[in-house]
C-alpha atoms as a PDB file:
ATOM      1  CA  MET A   1      80.393 105.663  24.798  1.00  0.00           C
ATOM      2  CA  PRO A   2      82.741 108.441  23.283  1.00  0.00           C
ATOM      3  CA  ASN A   3      85.234 107.505  20.229  1.00  0.00           C
ATOM      4  CA  ARG A   4      87.982 109.808  21.939  1.00  0.00           C
ATOM      5  CA  ILE A   5      90.740 110.681  20.181  1.00  0.00           C
ATOM      6  CA  ASP A   6      94.112 112.999  21.383  1.00  0.00           C
ATOM      7  CA  PRO A   7      93.367 116.731  20.886  1.00  0.00           C
ATOM      8  CA  ALA A   8      96.560 116.490  18.605  1.00  0.00           C
ATOM      9  CA  ASN A   9      94.761 114.884  15.973  1.00  0.00           C
ATOM     10  CA  VAL A  10      92.170 117.255  15.518  1.00  0.00           C
ATOM     11  CA  SER A  11      91.841 118.179  11.873  1.00  0.00           C
ATOM     12  CA  GLN A  12      90.039 121.042  10.566  1.00  0.00           C
ATOM     13  CA  GLN A  13      87.719 118.405   9.148  1.00  0.00           C
ATOM     14  CA  PRO A  14      84.284 118.066  11.350  1.00  0.00           C
ATOM     15  CA  LEU A  15      84.698 115.677  14.017  1.00  0.00           C
ATOM     16  CA  TYR A  16      83.070 112.128  12.890  1.00  0.00           C
ATOM     17  CA  GLY A  17      79.215 112.505  15.015  1.00  0.00           C
ATOM     18  CA  TRP A  18      78.299 108.989  13.371  1.00  0.00           C
ATOM     19  CA  ALA A  19      80.488 107.454  15.289  1.00  0.00           C
ATOM     20  CA  MET A  20      80.555 109.617  18.420  1.00  0.00           C
ATOM     21  CA  GLN A  21      83.617 110.957  17.764  1.00  0.00           C
ATOM     22  CA  SER A  22      85.341 113.347  20.653  1.00  0.00           C
ATOM     23  CA  ALA A  23      87.986 115.414  21.522  1.00  0.00           C
ATOM     24  CA  MET A  24      88.934 116.047  25.129  1.00  0.00           C
ATOM     25  CA  LEU A  25      89.903 119.791  24.659  1.00  0.00           C
ATOM     26  CA  GLU A  26      89.326 120.567  28.397  1.00  0.00           C
ATOM     27  CA  LYS A  27      90.076 118.151  31.176  1.00  0.00           C
ATOM     28  CA  GLY A  28      86.852 116.309  32.424  1.00  0.00           C
ATOM     29  CA  LEU A  29      84.908 117.233  29.274  1.00  0.00           C
ATOM     30  CA  ASP A  30      84.178 115.414  25.994  1.00  0.00           C
ATOM     31  CA  THR A  31      83.541 117.981  22.994  1.00  0.00           C
ATOM     32  CA  TYR A  32      81.308 116.961  20.223  1.00  0.00           C
ATOM     33  CA  GLN A  33      80.570 117.860  16.790  1.00  0.00           C
ATOM     34  CA  PHE A  34      77.095 116.752  15.089  1.00  0.00           C
ATOM     35  CA  ALA A  35      77.382 117.921  11.268  1.00  0.00           C
ATOM     36  CA  GLY A  36      74.920 116.795   8.923  1.00  0.00           C
ATOM     37  CA  TRP A  37      72.902 117.728   6.055  1.00  0.00           C
ATOM     38  CA  ALA A  38      69.323 118.124   4.925  1.00  0.00           C
ATOM     39  CA  LYS A  39      68.042 117.581   1.590  1.00  0.00           C
ATOM     40  CA  LEU A  40      66.140 120.358  -0.526  1.00  0.00           C
ATOM     41  CA  ASP A  41      64.045 119.720  -3.562  1.00  0.00           C
ATOM     42  CA  THR A  42      61.189 121.145  -6.002  1.00  0.00           C
ATOM     43  CA  THR A  43      58.884 120.212  -3.074  1.00  0.00           C
ATOM     44  CA  LEU A  44      58.038 122.847  -0.653  1.00  0.00           C
ATOM     45  CA  ARG A  45      58.371 121.493   2.853  1.00  0.00           C
ATOM     46  CA  ASN A  46      58.435 123.743   6.153  1.00  0.00           C
ATOM     47  CA  GLU A  47      60.228 120.288   7.940  1.00  0.00           C
ATOM     48  CA  ILE A  48      63.080 118.497   6.554  1.00  0.00           C
ATOM     49  CA  GLU A  49      64.827 115.952   8.138  1.00  0.00           C
ATOM     50  CA  ILE A  50      68.319 115.906   8.828  1.00  0.00           C
ATOM     51  CA  VAL A  51      70.942 112.994   8.778  1.00  0.00           C
ATOM     52  CA  LEU A  52      73.897 112.294  10.448  1.00  0.00           C
ATOM     53  CA  PRO A  53      76.396 110.572   7.610  1.00  0.00           C
ATOM     54  CA  SER A  54      78.010 107.768   8.321  1.00  0.00           C
ATOM     55  CA  HIS A  55      80.390 108.098   5.175  1.00  0.00           C
ATOM     56  CA  GLN A  56      80.263 104.598   4.198  1.00  0.00           C
ATOM     57  CA  ARG A  57      78.206 102.867   1.797  1.00  0.00           C
ATOM     58  CA  ARG A  58      77.182  99.431   4.128  1.00  0.00           C
ATOM     59  CA  LYS A  59      76.563 101.749   7.030  1.00  0.00           C
ATOM     60  CA  ALA A  60      73.064 103.595   7.091  1.00  0.00           C
ATOM     61  CA  ASP A  61      73.277 107.648   8.034  1.00  0.00           C
ATOM     62  CA  LYS A  62      71.198 107.872  11.215  1.00  0.00           C
ATOM     63  CA  PRO A  63      69.196 110.588  12.385  1.00  0.00           C
ATOM     64  CA  PHE A  64      70.305 114.101  13.694  1.00  0.00           C
ATOM     65  CA  THR A  65      69.774 113.102  17.470  1.00  0.00           C
ATOM     66  CA  ILE A  66      71.548 114.891  20.444  1.00  0.00           C
ATOM     67  CA  PRO A  67      71.815 112.613  23.607  1.00  0.00           C
ATOM     68  CA  SER A  68      70.184 113.645  27.013  1.00  0.00           C
ATOM     69  CA  GLY A  69      72.845 115.129  29.060  1.00  0.00           C
ATOM     70  CA  ALA A  70      74.571 117.180  26.554  1.00  0.00           C
ATOM     71  CA  THR A  71      75.659 121.139  26.962  1.00  0.00           C
ATOM     72  CA  ILE A  72      74.749 122.777  23.564  1.00  0.00           C
ATOM     73  CA  TYR A  73      77.016 125.679  23.455  1.00  0.00           C
ATOM     74  CA  ARG A  74      76.646 126.020  19.402  1.00  0.00           C
ATOM     75  CA  ILE A  75      74.198 125.618  16.424  1.00  0.00           C
ATOM     76  CA  GLY A  76      74.696 126.543  12.690  1.00  0.00           C
ATOM     77  CA  LEU A  77      73.248 126.313   9.589  1.00  0.00           C
ATOM     78  CA  ARG A  78      74.238 127.074   5.583  1.00  0.00           C
ATOM     79  CA  LEU A  79      72.286 126.976   2.793  1.00  0.00           C
ATOM     80  CA  PRO A  80      74.010 125.483  -0.384  1.00  0.00           C
ATOM     81  CA  ARG A  81      75.830 127.775  -2.427  1.00  0.00           C
ATOM     82  CA  ALA A  82      75.449 128.362  -6.220  1.00  0.00           C
ATOM     83  CA  LEU A  83      78.372 126.792  -8.897  1.00  0.00           C
ATOM     84  CA  ARG A  84      81.564 129.285  -9.290  1.00  0.00           C
ATOM     85  CA  ALA A  85      81.739 130.188 -13.419  1.00  0.00           C
ATOM     86  CA  ASP A  86      84.521 127.444 -13.478  1.00  0.00           C
ATOM     87  CA  GLU A  87      82.236 124.871 -12.317  1.00  0.00           C
ATOM     88  CA  ASP A  88      79.859 122.588 -14.422  1.00  0.00           C
ATOM     89  CA  THR A  89      78.194 120.745 -11.893  1.00  0.00           C
ATOM     90  CA  LYS A  90      78.777 119.254  -8.000  1.00  0.00           C
ATOM     91  CA  TYR A  91      76.366 117.055  -6.783  1.00  0.00           C
ATOM     92  CA  GLY A  92      75.123 118.659  -3.813  1.00  0.00           C
ATOM     93  CA  ILE A  93      75.512 122.101  -4.556  1.00  0.00           C
ATOM     94  CA  LEU A  94      73.126 124.576  -6.304  1.00  0.00           C
ATOM     95  CA  PRO A  95      72.603 123.203  -9.894  1.00  0.00           C
ATOM     96  CA  LYS A  96      73.329 126.132 -12.652  1.00  0.00           C
ATOM     97  CA  GLY A  97      70.421 128.770 -12.901  1.00  0.00           C
ATOM     98  CA  ALA A  98      68.685 127.456  -9.745  1.00  0.00           C
ATOM     99  CA  THR A  99      67.256 129.601  -6.983  1.00  0.00           C
ATOM    100  CA  ILE A 100      66.331 128.662  -3.310  1.00  0.00           C
ATOM    101  CA  ILE A 101      62.236 129.929  -2.647  1.00  0.00           C
ATOM    102  CA  GLY A 102      60.678 130.467   0.168  1.00  0.00           C
ATOM    103  CA  THR A 103      58.273 133.332   1.262  1.00  0.00           C
ATOM    104  CA  THR A 104      59.653 136.745   2.327  1.00  0.00           C
ATOM    105  CA  GLY A 105      60.034 137.483   5.890  1.00  0.00           C
ATOM    106  CA  GLU A 106      59.677 133.561   7.121  1.00  0.00           C
ATOM    107  CA  ASN A 107      62.657 131.986   9.245  1.00  0.00           C
ATOM    108  CA  LEU A 108      64.614 128.970   8.686  1.00  0.00           C
ATOM    109  CA  LYS A 109      66.508 127.196  11.230  1.00  0.00           C
ATOM    110  CA  VAL A 110      67.856 124.562  12.668  1.00  0.00           C
ATOM    111  CA  ALA A 111      65.462 123.104  15.670  1.00  0.00           C
ATOM    112  CA  SER A 112      64.743 120.390  17.999  1.00  0.00           C
ATOM    113  CA  THR A 113      61.535 118.380  17.470  1.00  0.00           C
ATOM    114  CA  THR A 114      60.602 120.076  20.675  1.00  0.00           C
ATOM    115  CA  ALA A 115      60.900 123.837  19.779  1.00  0.00           C
ATOM    116  CA  ALA A 116      60.316 123.062  16.549  1.00  0.00           C
ATOM    117  CA  HIS A 117      58.808 126.422  15.257  1.00  0.00           C
ATOM    118  CA  THR A 118      58.762 128.125  18.268  1.00  0.00           C
ATOM    119  CA  ALA A 119      62.612 128.446  18.124  1.00  0.00           C
ATOM    120  CA  THR A 120      63.566 131.533  17.614  1.00  0.00           C
ATOM    121  CA  SER A 121      67.690 131.226  16.380  1.00  0.00           C
ATOM    122  CA  PRO A 122      69.454 131.007  14.528  1.00  0.00           C
ATOM    123  CA  ALA A 123      67.525 131.765  11.742  1.00  0.00           C
ATOM    124  CA  ILE A 124      67.658 132.458   7.783  1.00  0.00           C
ATOM    125  CA  VAL A 125      65.269 135.031   6.972  1.00  0.00           C
ATOM    126  CA  ALA A 126      63.445 135.011   3.247  1.00  0.00           C
ATOM    127  CA  ALA A 127      63.184 138.378   1.559  1.00  0.00           C
ATOM    128  CA  SER A 128      61.674 138.849  -1.857  1.00  0.00           C
ATOM    129  CA  ASN A 129      60.349 135.439  -1.498  1.00  0.00           C
ATOM    130  CA  SER A 130      63.857 133.808  -1.834  1.00  0.00           C
ATOM    131  CA  TYR A 131      66.919 132.762   0.177  1.00  0.00           C
ATOM    132  CA  LEU A 132      70.315 133.886  -0.363  1.00  0.00           C
ATOM    133  CA  PRO A 133      72.739 130.890  -1.425  1.00  0.00           C
ATOM    134  CA  ASN A 134      74.942 130.364   0.774  1.00  0.00           C
ATOM    135  CA  ALA A 135      73.428 132.586   3.499  1.00  0.00           C
ATOM    136  CA  SER A 136      74.574 131.374   6.800  1.00  0.00           C
ATOM    137  CA  ALA A 137      73.493 131.876  10.593  1.00  0.00           C
ATOM    138  CA  VAL A 138      75.378 130.742  14.227  1.00  0.00           C
ATOM    139  CA  LEU A 139      74.056 130.739  17.503  1.00  0.00           C
ATOM    140  CA  CYS A 140      77.034 130.165  19.810  1.00  0.00           C
ATOM    141  CA  ILE A 141      78.400 131.212  23.366  1.00  0.00           C
ATOM    142  CA  ASN A 142      81.564 131.132  24.467  1.00  0.00           C
ATOM    143  CA  GLU A 143      82.127 129.564  27.960  1.00  0.00           C
ATOM    144  CA  TRP A 144      82.209 132.476  30.245  1.00  0.00           C
ATOM    145  CA  GLN A 145      78.728 133.056  28.466  1.00  0.00           C
ATOM    146  CA  ALA A 146      74.889 131.690  29.902  1.00  0.00           C
ATOM    147  CA  LEU A 147      73.034 129.171  28.411  1.00  0.00           C
ATOM    148  CA  THR A 148      70.202 130.864  26.377  1.00  0.00           C
ATOM    149  CA  GLY A 149      67.491 129.994  24.020  1.00  0.00           C
ATOM    150  CA  GLN A 150      67.817 126.381  22.251  1.00  0.00           C
ATOM    151  CA  LEU A 151      71.724 126.384  24.178  1.00  0.00           C
ATOM    152  CA  GLN A 152      71.047 124.303  26.370  1.00  0.00           C
ATOM    153  CA  THR A 153      71.651 120.779  28.833  1.00  0.00           C
ATOM    154  CA  LEU A 154      69.361 118.555  27.503  1.00  0.00           C
ATOM    155  CA  GLY A 155      67.633 116.032  29.937  1.00  0.00           C
ATOM    156  CA  ALA A 156      66.373 113.529  27.248  1.00  0.00           C
ATOM    157  CA  ASP A 157      67.489 112.499  23.992  1.00  0.00           C
ATOM    158  CA  THR A 158      66.655 115.224  21.410  1.00  0.00           C
ATOM    159  CA  THR A 159      66.222 115.139  17.625  1.00  0.00           C
ATOM    160  CA  TYR A 160      66.937 118.515  15.367  1.00  0.00           C
ATOM    161  CA  LYS A 161      65.508 119.235  11.793  1.00  0.00           C
ATOM    162  CA  ILE A 162      65.587 121.976   9.773  1.00  0.00           C
ATOM    163  CA  TYR A 163      61.917 123.898   9.943  1.00  0.00           C
ATOM    164  CA  CYS A 164      60.627 126.990   7.923  1.00  0.00           C
ATOM    165  CA  SER A 165      58.356 128.988  10.180  1.00  0.00           C
ATOM    166  CA  ASN A 166      56.558 131.984  10.087  1.00  0.00           C
ATOM    167  CA  ALA A 167      57.818 135.363  10.502  1.00  0.00           C
ATOM    168  CA  GLY A 168      56.768 135.619  14.104  1.00  0.00           C
ATOM    169  CA  ASN A 169      57.930 131.871  14.945  1.00  0.00           C
ATOM    170  CA  THR A 170      54.409 130.678  16.111  1.00  0.00           C
ATOM    171  CA  ALA A 171      54.012 128.200  13.712  1.00  0.00           C
ATOM    172  CA  ALA A 172      54.764 126.289  10.554  1.00  0.00           C
ATOM    173  CA  GLY A 173      55.446 128.935   7.171  1.00  0.00           C
ATOM    174  CA  ASN A 174      54.809 128.409   3.940  1.00  0.00           C
ATOM    175  CA  GLY A 175      58.389 125.933   3.399  1.00  0.00           C
ATOM    176  CA  ILE A 176      61.440 125.932   1.279  1.00  0.00           C
ATOM    177  CA  ARG A 177      62.439 124.570  -2.214  1.00  0.00           C
ATOM    178  CA  VAL A 178      64.627 124.966  -4.714  1.00  0.00           C
ATOM    179  CA  SER A 179      63.454 126.295  -8.329  1.00  0.00           C
ATOM    180  CA  SER A 180      65.045 122.836  -9.915  1.00  0.00           C
ATOM    181  CA  GLY A 181      67.180 119.470  -9.093  1.00  0.00           C
ATOM    182  CA  GLU A 182      68.107 118.959  -5.499  1.00  0.00           C
ATOM    183  CA  ALA A 183      70.920 120.726  -3.009  1.00  0.00           C
ATOM    184  CA  TYR A 184      71.422 120.265   0.794  1.00  0.00           C
ATOM    185  CA  VAL A 185      71.282 122.467   3.570  1.00  0.00           C
ATOM    186  CA  ILE A 186      74.532 121.521   6.085  1.00  0.00           C
ATOM    187  CA  ALA A 187      73.545 121.575   9.689  1.00  0.00           C
ATOM    188  CA  GLU A 188      76.064 122.050  12.908  1.00  0.00           C
ATOM    189  CA  ILE A 189      75.341 121.403  16.695  1.00  0.00           C
ATOM    190  CA  CYS A 190      78.385 121.459  18.941  1.00  0.00           C
ATOM    191  CA  PHE A 191      78.190 119.979  22.644  1.00  0.00           C
ATOM    192  CA  LYS A 192      79.531 118.786  25.601  1.00  0.00           C
ATOM    193  CA  MET A 193      79.478 115.680  28.421  1.00  0.00           C
ATOM    194  CA  ALA A 194      80.816 115.292  31.420  1.00  0.00           C
ATOM    195  CA  ALA A 195      83.857 112.720  30.899  1.00  0.00           C
ATOM    196  CA  GLU A 196      83.221 109.035  32.120  1.00  0.00           C
ATOM    197  CA  ALA A 197      85.650 108.332  35.351  1.00  0.00           C
ATOM    198  CA  LEU A 198      89.007 107.916  34.345  1.00  0.00           C
ATOM    199  CA  ASP A 199      90.266 104.185  34.898  1.00  0.00           C
ATOM    200  CA  PHE A 200      94.014 102.228  35.278  1.00  0.00           C
ATOM    201  CA  GLU A 201      94.894 102.369  31.818  1.00  0.00           C
ATOM    202  CA  ARG A 202      94.144 106.707  31.852  1.00  0.00           C
ATOM    203  CA  THR A 203      96.840 107.094  35.333  1.00  0.00           C
ATOM    204  CA  GLY A 204      99.126 104.178  35.111  1.00  0.00           C
ATOM    205  CA  TYR A 205      99.343 101.446  37.420  1.00  0.00           C
ATOM    206  CA  PRO A 206     100.444 101.816  40.722  1.00  0.00           C
ATOM    207  CA  TYR A 207     103.678 100.724  41.639  1.00  0.00           C
ATOM    208  CA  THR A 208     104.320  97.157  43.095  1.00  0.00           C
ATOM    209  CA  PRO A 209     104.656  98.074  47.029  1.00  0.00           C
ATOM    210  CA  PHE A 210     108.868  97.286  47.744  1.00  0.00           C
ATOM    211  CA  THR A 211     109.365  94.937  50.087  1.00  0.00           C
ATOM    212  CA  GLN A 212     112.828  93.982  52.109  1.00  0.00           C
ATOM    213  CA  SER A 213     113.858  90.161  52.114  1.00  0.00           C
ATOM    214  CA  ALA A 214     114.537  89.417  56.407  1.00  0.00           C
ATOM    215  CA  ILE A 215     118.497  89.129  56.756  1.00  0.00           C
END
C-alpha cells in the first residue's frame, strides 16, 4: 500500500522507500524512489547486499527489493568520495588515505539477482586496478523513450545488489574493497506503479438528492 504524499511536499531529499513513500506526480501513477547503501570493507567481494534504510534505531533495515508490477525508469550508483581537506573523519566516507581497490576492466554495477553479472549498465569500470572515488553511473530514460536492459516492468518482486563482474559481463569478477576502514556505495532505483482506484474520500461525496415536499 503506498504511503502517498502531496507533490507540494516533495523535498530535495530522497523519498522514504522503507515506508513505500510515493508521490503522484502524474495522475494515475505513483512514483517511488528507493535509495540505499552497500558497505565496502577490506574484504574483496564481487557481490554485496544493498539495504533500504529505516533511519530508525528500533526498526530494522530492509532488503533492496523492488515490488512486482514496478516499471523501473532509473538506476544509479555512486562510489564513496574522499574526505575533503577540511574534514578529519566522517562515517561512511572513504577514510583518509584509503583507496578503492579493484581489477582493471571489471564492472561495478547495481543489478537484480536474476541478471547479476550479465547486466551491462549502469556500470563503473575499474582502471589501473582501482576505482575512482565519487565515480558514478546512471541508466535512465525519459517518458517518451522505450524501456531497455534493466529498465523494465517487473513481473515479480526482485532484489537488487551490488555486483562486480568481469570485463565481458559474463561472470563474477575479482571484486572490490577499500584499502582500510570501511565506506559505502550509494544505490538508487526509481520506479512507477499504477495507482489504486479512487474512492469517495478522494473524489468528494456526491450531493444528497434534493426532494421537494408535497404542497
